[in-house]
Amino acid sequence: MSVIVGVLSALTAAFGWAFASVLIKIGMRNKKAVSVNIIRLYVVSIIYAIVFLFTGGFEEIASLSSKQLLIAFISGQFGFVIGDYFYLNALKITGVSRTVPVTSSYPLWTILWAFLFLGRSINAQIIVGAFLVFLAILLVRQTEEEEKIDPKGLIFAILAPISWSLAITTLDYLSSQISAMTLSGVRLMMASLGVSLLIPQYWGDIKRFNLREFGVVSLAAIFGLFIGQYAFVTSVGTLGSQIATPITAVNPIIASYLAIAFLKEPPNRKIILSLVSAVVGIILISLA
């Protein structure tokens, strides 16, 4: 039964992230990426605070050690401040269907850190998977060159999963010690604390959000940071990141179809090939 819950949670995370990607692209058309991130982090932190009032989450947070809180803070910064800064800017520059195949490469970087710092071995399956992921990146780059898209979009899309992979490494460590709901909430609250330092610089842009834009970004926060993150942490806690991650690999396919349907992003043969290459590569790497 726990396996079924873990699989369904991973699929829920993938769908939540995909919907959030489309909503963020819509809500960010005339706004800066950092301003969007500040609003969604504060919205989801308030949601978690309300949930904690009724579930006793604050008591669990109060019982955490200073080491656990520090790791949660570091995880939140890499995952939702630094990583999402690159991700949101990549979405704004290149669009959903051209960003997600590249940003979905975070399992590759997670394996790399494990190899460099934890002594994990790399076998032929990982090498093949890495080749397919890099092939996906090359295909996206070729498409961007043909469409004359700013190359910074690809650079940001590569830097985002590198940062996320560091956050996932810490998440794996904490998931066996803290309940899924509390861990999701405390990481996001820590991220909100970190991003608060940027509010004075972006306050003018934040004040220009109208009700519709605020609503769209808030929905993106609910789907991506509340539903998606809670479901992913639940899946990692139940199955382990090595099983949960390949299941969420369907995210780029879902996101790209939604982008074509709702954002009218033009489908492209190379983008479709990059999606297939990225998904197969992620699965090979994660199951190695």
Protein backbone atom coordinates (compact mmCIF):
# COMPACT_ATOMS: atom_id res chain seq x y z
CA MET A 1 0.00 0.00 0.00
CA SER A 2 2.84 2.40 0.84
CA VAL A 3 4.36 1.81 -2.61
CA ILE A 4 1.09 2.80 -4.28
CA VAL A 5 0.92 5.96 -2.16
CA GLY A 6 4.52 6.80 -3.11
CA VAL A 7 3.90 6.31 -6.84
CA LEU A 8 0.67 8.33 -6.81
CA SER A 9 2.43 11.07 -4.83
CA ALA A 10 5.24 11.23 -7.41
CA LEU A 11 2.73 11.48 -10.28
CA THR A 12 0.82 14.18 -8.37
CA ALA A 13 4.07 16.12 -7.98
CA ALA A 14 4.76 15.87 -11.71
CA PHE A 15 1.29 17.18 -12.62
CA GLY A 16 1.50 19.94 -10.01
CA TRP A 17 4.86 21.16 -11.30
CA ALA A 18 3.65 21.05 -14.89
CA PHE A 19 0.56 23.18 -14.18
CA ALA A 20 2.66 25.57 -12.11
CA SER A 21 5.13 26.06 -14.99
CA VAL A 22 2.35 27.19 -17.32
CA LEU A 23 0.77 29.45 -14.69
CA ILE A 24 4.10 31.07 -13.84
CA LYS A 25 4.77 31.80 -17.50
CA ILE A 26 1.36 33.49 -17.75
CA GLY A 27 1.81 35.48 -14.54
CA MET A 28 5.35 36.57 -15.37
CA ARG A 29 4.77 38.18 -18.76
CA ASN A 30 5.30 41.75 -17.55
CA LYS A 31 7.01 41.10 -14.22
CA LYS A 32 10.48 40.26 -12.96
CA ALA A 33 11.24 36.67 -12.01
CA VAL A 34 12.38 37.56 -8.48
CA SER A 35 9.16 39.49 -7.81
CA VAL A 36 7.10 36.49 -8.90
CA ASN A 37 9.18 34.22 -6.67
CA ILE A 38 8.78 36.49 -3.64
CA ILE A 39 4.99 36.50 -4.00
CA ARG A 40 4.62 32.74 -4.52
CA LEU A 41 6.95 31.93 -1.61
CA TYR A 42 5.02 34.21 0.74
CA VAL A 43 1.66 32.85 -0.45
CA VAL A 44 2.65 29.23 0.08
CA SER A 45 4.32 30.01 3.44
CA ILE A 46 1.06 31.53 4.66
CA ILE A 47 -0.82 28.42 3.47
CA TYR A 48 1.58 26.15 5.35
CA ALA A 49 1.33 28.34 8.47
CA ILE A 50 -2.46 27.93 8.43
CA VAL A 51 -2.13 24.17 7.96
CA PHE A 52 0.40 23.94 10.81
CA LEU A 53 -1.99 25.74 13.17
CA PHE A 54 -4.44 22.87 12.77
CA THR A 55 -1.99 19.95 12.47
CA GLY A 56 0.57 20.78 15.15
CA GLY A 57 3.32 21.40 12.63
CA PHE A 58 4.76 24.29 14.65
CA GLU A 59 5.34 21.96 17.60
CA GLU A 60 7.38 19.63 15.37
CA ILE A 61 9.36 22.58 13.99
CA ALA A 62 10.09 23.75 17.54
CA SER A 63 11.46 20.28 18.37
CA LEU A 64 13.98 20.31 15.49
CA SER A 65 17.64 20.65 16.29
CA SER A 66 19.69 23.65 15.18
CA LYS A 67 21.49 21.34 12.73
CA GLN A 68 18.22 20.21 11.16
CA LEU A 69 17.00 23.81 10.87
CA LEU A 70 20.28 24.90 9.30
CA ILE A 71 20.13 22.09 6.73
CA ALA A 72 16.48 22.97 5.98
CA PHE A 73 17.51 26.60 5.51
CA ILE A 74 20.31 25.67 3.10
CA SER A 75 17.98 23.29 1.24
CA GLY A 76 15.35 26.02 0.92
CA GLN A 77 17.83 28.53 -0.51
CA PHE A 78 19.25 26.13 -3.11
CA GLY A 79 15.81 24.81 -4.03
CA PHE A 80 13.49 27.81 -4.04
CA VAL A 81 15.63 30.95 -4.07
CA ILE A 82 18.76 30.25 -6.13
CA GLY A 83 17.47 27.36 -8.25
CA ASP A 84 14.07 28.93 -8.90
CA TYR A 85 15.71 32.26 -9.77
CA PHE A 86 17.43 30.55 -12.69
CA TYR A 87 14.33 28.48 -13.52
CA LEU A 88 11.92 31.43 -13.62
CA ASN A 89 14.27 33.50 -15.74
CA ALA A 90 14.73 30.56 -18.14
CA LEU A 91 10.93 30.22 -18.42
CA LYS A 92 10.59 33.91 -19.17
CA ILE A 93 13.29 33.88 -21.86
CA THR A 94 12.71 30.57 -23.63
CA GLY A 95 9.22 29.36 -22.66
CA VAL A 96 8.02 26.19 -20.94
CA SER A 97 8.55 23.57 -23.65
CA ARG A 98 12.13 24.73 -24.28
CA THR A 99 13.08 25.07 -20.61
CA VAL A 100 11.64 22.00 -18.91
CA PRO A 101 13.62 19.33 -20.87
CA VAL A 102 16.84 20.98 -19.64
CA THR A 103 15.77 21.75 -16.08
CA SER A 104 14.60 18.16 -15.66
CA SER A 105 18.24 17.05 -15.70
CA TYR A 106 18.60 17.45 -11.92
CA PRO A 107 18.96 13.65 -11.30
CA LEU A 108 22.15 13.73 -13.39
CA TRP A 109 23.66 16.39 -11.14
CA THR A 110 22.50 14.56 -8.01
CA ILE A 111 24.35 11.45 -9.17
CA LEU A 112 27.43 13.56 -9.98
CA TRP A 113 27.59 14.97 -6.42
CA ALA A 114 27.16 11.46 -5.02
CA PHE A 115 30.06 10.28 -7.20
CA LEU A 116 32.36 13.18 -6.30
CA PHE A 117 31.63 13.49 -2.59
CA LEU A 118 30.01 10.24 -1.43
CA GLY A 119 31.98 7.71 -3.42
CA ARG A 120 29.07 6.39 -5.48
CA SER A 121 30.12 4.42 -8.55
CA ILE A 122 29.06 5.36 -12.08
CA ASN A 123 28.15 2.51 -14.43
CA ALA A 124 27.40 2.25 -18.14
CA GLN A 125 23.67 2.89 -17.59
CA ILE A 126 24.42 6.24 -15.95
CA ILE A 127 26.79 7.17 -18.77
CA VAL A 128 24.13 6.38 -21.40
CA GLY A 129 21.55 8.33 -19.41
CA ALA A 130 23.92 11.30 -19.10
CA PHE A 131 24.52 11.21 -22.86
CA LEU A 132 20.76 11.31 -23.53
CA VAL A 133 20.28 14.24 -21.14
CA PHE A 134 23.09 16.20 -22.79
CA LEU A 135 21.64 15.31 -26.19
CA ALA A 136 18.36 16.86 -25.04
CA ILE A 137 20.24 20.02 -24.03
CA LEU A 138 21.98 20.20 -27.43
CA LEU A 139 18.67 19.80 -29.26
CA VAL A 140 17.13 22.61 -27.21
CA ARG A 141 20.15 24.79 -27.93
CA GLN A 142 19.87 24.15 -31.68
CA THR A 143 16.20 25.11 -31.55
CA GLU A 144 17.01 28.31 -29.66
CA GLU A 145 19.67 29.23 -32.22
CA GLU A 146 17.21 28.66 -35.07
CA GLU A 147 14.58 30.75 -33.27
CA LYS A 148 17.17 33.40 -32.25
CA ILE A 149 16.37 33.05 -28.54
CA ASP A 150 18.69 34.69 -26.00
CA PRO A 151 21.35 32.07 -25.06
CA LYS A 152 21.10 33.19 -21.42
CA GLY A 153 17.87 31.16 -21.27
CA LEU A 154 19.77 27.90 -21.77
CA ILE A 155 22.46 28.90 -19.26
CA PHE A 156 19.82 29.65 -16.64
CA ALA A 157 18.04 26.37 -17.48
CA ILE A 158 21.27 24.44 -16.82
CA LEU A 159 22.10 26.27 -13.58
CA ALA A 160 18.60 25.66 -12.12
CA PRO A 161 18.85 21.84 -11.88
CA ILE A 162 22.41 22.07 -10.54
CA SER A 163 21.06 24.11 -7.63
CA TRP A 164 18.00 21.85 -7.23
CA SER A 165 20.21 18.76 -7.06
CA LEU A 166 22.00 20.20 -4.02
CA ALA A 167 18.61 20.82 -2.40
CA ILE A 168 17.49 17.25 -3.16
CA THR A 169 20.63 15.84 -1.54
CA THR A 170 19.76 17.60 1.72
CA LEU A 171 16.09 16.64 1.30
CA ASP A 172 17.01 12.96 1.20
CA TYR A 173 18.87 13.41 4.49
CA LEU A 174 16.00 15.19 6.26
CA SER A 175 13.09 13.12 4.90
CA SER A 176 13.80 10.23 7.28
CA GLN A 177 13.79 12.55 10.30
CA ILE A 178 10.91 14.98 9.70
CA SER A 179 7.32 14.36 8.56
CA ALA A 180 6.58 15.19 4.93
CA MET A 181 4.19 18.08 5.60
CA THR A 182 6.47 19.74 8.16
CA LEU A 183 9.57 19.28 6.00
CA SER A 184 7.85 20.78 2.96
CA GLY A 185 6.61 23.75 4.95
CA VAL A 186 9.78 24.49 6.89
CA ARG A 187 11.93 24.44 3.71
CA LEU A 188 9.58 26.91 2.01
CA MET A 189 9.38 29.13 5.08
CA MET A 190 13.17 29.18 5.23
CA ALA A 191 13.21 30.09 1.53
CA SER A 192 10.79 32.95 2.24
CA LEU A 193 13.11 34.15 4.97
CA GLY A 194 16.06 34.15 2.57
CA VAL A 195 14.24 35.84 -0.31
CA SER A 196 13.00 38.58 2.05
CA LEU A 197 16.41 40.23 1.72
CA LEU A 198 15.50 41.06 -1.88
CA ILE A 199 12.13 42.72 -1.14
CA PRO A 200 13.46 46.32 -0.90
CA GLN A 201 15.10 45.99 -4.32
CA TYR A 202 11.96 44.62 -6.01
CA TRP A 203 9.24 46.37 -4.02
CA GLY A 204 8.34 48.70 -6.90
CA ASP A 205 7.73 45.78 -9.25
CA ILE A 206 5.77 43.87 -6.58
CA LYS A 207 3.41 46.81 -6.05
CA ARG A 208 2.53 46.79 -9.77
CA PHE A 209 0.94 43.32 -9.61
CA ASN A 210 -2.78 43.56 -10.36
CA LEU A 211 -5.37 41.20 -8.88
CA ARG A 212 -5.35 38.85 -11.89
CA GLU A 213 -1.54 38.53 -11.91
CA PHE A 214 -1.48 37.98 -8.15
CA GLY A 215 -4.16 35.28 -8.52
CA VAL A 216 -2.27 33.46 -11.27
CA VAL A 217 1.00 33.49 -9.33
CA SER A 218 -0.84 32.34 -6.18
CA LEU A 219 -2.34 29.40 -8.09
CA ALA A 220 1.15 28.55 -9.37
CA ALA A 221 2.35 28.55 -5.76
CA ILE A 222 -0.48 26.22 -4.71
CA PHE A 223 0.09 23.74 -7.55
CA GLY A 224 3.89 23.83 -7.60
CA LEU A 225 5.02 24.62 -4.06
CA PHE A 226 2.18 23.27 -1.92
CA ILE A 227 0.68 20.32 -3.78
CA GLY A 228 3.76 19.49 -5.89
CA GLN A 229 6.39 19.81 -3.17
CA TYR A 230 4.34 18.05 -0.49
CA ALA A 231 3.62 15.20 -2.90
CA PHE A 232 7.30 14.93 -3.87
CA VAL A 233 8.53 14.94 -0.26
CA THR A 234 5.90 12.28 0.55
CA SER A 235 7.10 10.18 -2.37
CA VAL A 236 10.77 10.54 -1.41
CA GLY A 237 9.96 9.62 2.18
CA THR A 238 8.00 6.55 1.03
CA LEU A 239 10.03 5.29 -1.92
CA GLY A 240 13.38 7.08 -1.69
CA SER A 241 14.60 9.65 -4.20
CA GLN A 242 16.09 6.93 -6.43
CA ILE A 243 12.55 5.64 -7.20
CA ALA A 244 10.48 8.81 -6.80
CA THR A 245 12.61 10.87 -9.19
CA PRO A 246 12.20 8.71 -12.35
CA ILE A 247 8.42 8.66 -11.84
CA THR A 248 8.34 12.46 -11.81
CA ALA A 249 10.29 12.37 -15.10
CA VAL A 250 6.93 12.60 -16.92
CA ASN A 251 6.81 16.26 -15.82
CA PRO A 252 8.51 17.70 -18.97
CA ILE A 253 6.10 15.86 -21.27
CA ILE A 254 3.05 17.08 -19.35
CA ALA A 255 4.42 20.62 -19.15
CA SER A 256 5.21 20.77 -22.86
CA TYR A 257 1.74 19.57 -23.88
CA LEU A 258 0.16 22.14 -21.55
CA ALA A 259 2.41 24.86 -22.99
CA ILE A 260 1.35 23.97 -26.52
CA ALA A 261 -2.32 23.89 -25.52
CA PHE A 262 -2.53 26.99 -23.31
CA LEU A 263 0.48 29.15 -24.21
CA LYS A 264 0.41 28.38 -27.93
CA GLU A 265 4.13 27.58 -27.88
CA PRO A 266 4.85 26.10 -31.32
CA PRO A 267 5.70 22.38 -31.30
CA ASN A 268 9.04 21.55 -32.85
CA ARG A 269 10.51 18.22 -33.96
CA LYS A 270 13.77 18.85 -32.12
CA ILE A 271 11.93 19.85 -28.95
CA ILE A 272 9.88 16.62 -29.10
CA LEU A 273 13.10 14.63 -29.56
CA SER A 274 14.70 16.50 -26.67
CA LEU A 275 11.72 15.63 -24.44
CA VAL A 276 11.99 11.93 -25.26
CA SER A 277 15.77 11.99 -24.83
CA ALA A 278 15.56 13.83 -21.49
CA VAL A 279 12.88 11.54 -20.04
CA VAL A 280 14.64 8.32 -21.06
CA GLY A 281 17.96 9.68 -19.79
CA ILE A 282 16.46 10.70 -16.44
CA ILE A 283 14.89 7.26 -15.96
CA LEU A 284 18.15 5.46 -16.81
CA ILE A 285 20.16 7.64 -14.42
CA SER A 286 17.67 7.39 -11.58
CA LEU A 287 17.27 3.60 -11.81
CA ALA A 288 21.02 2.89 -12.09
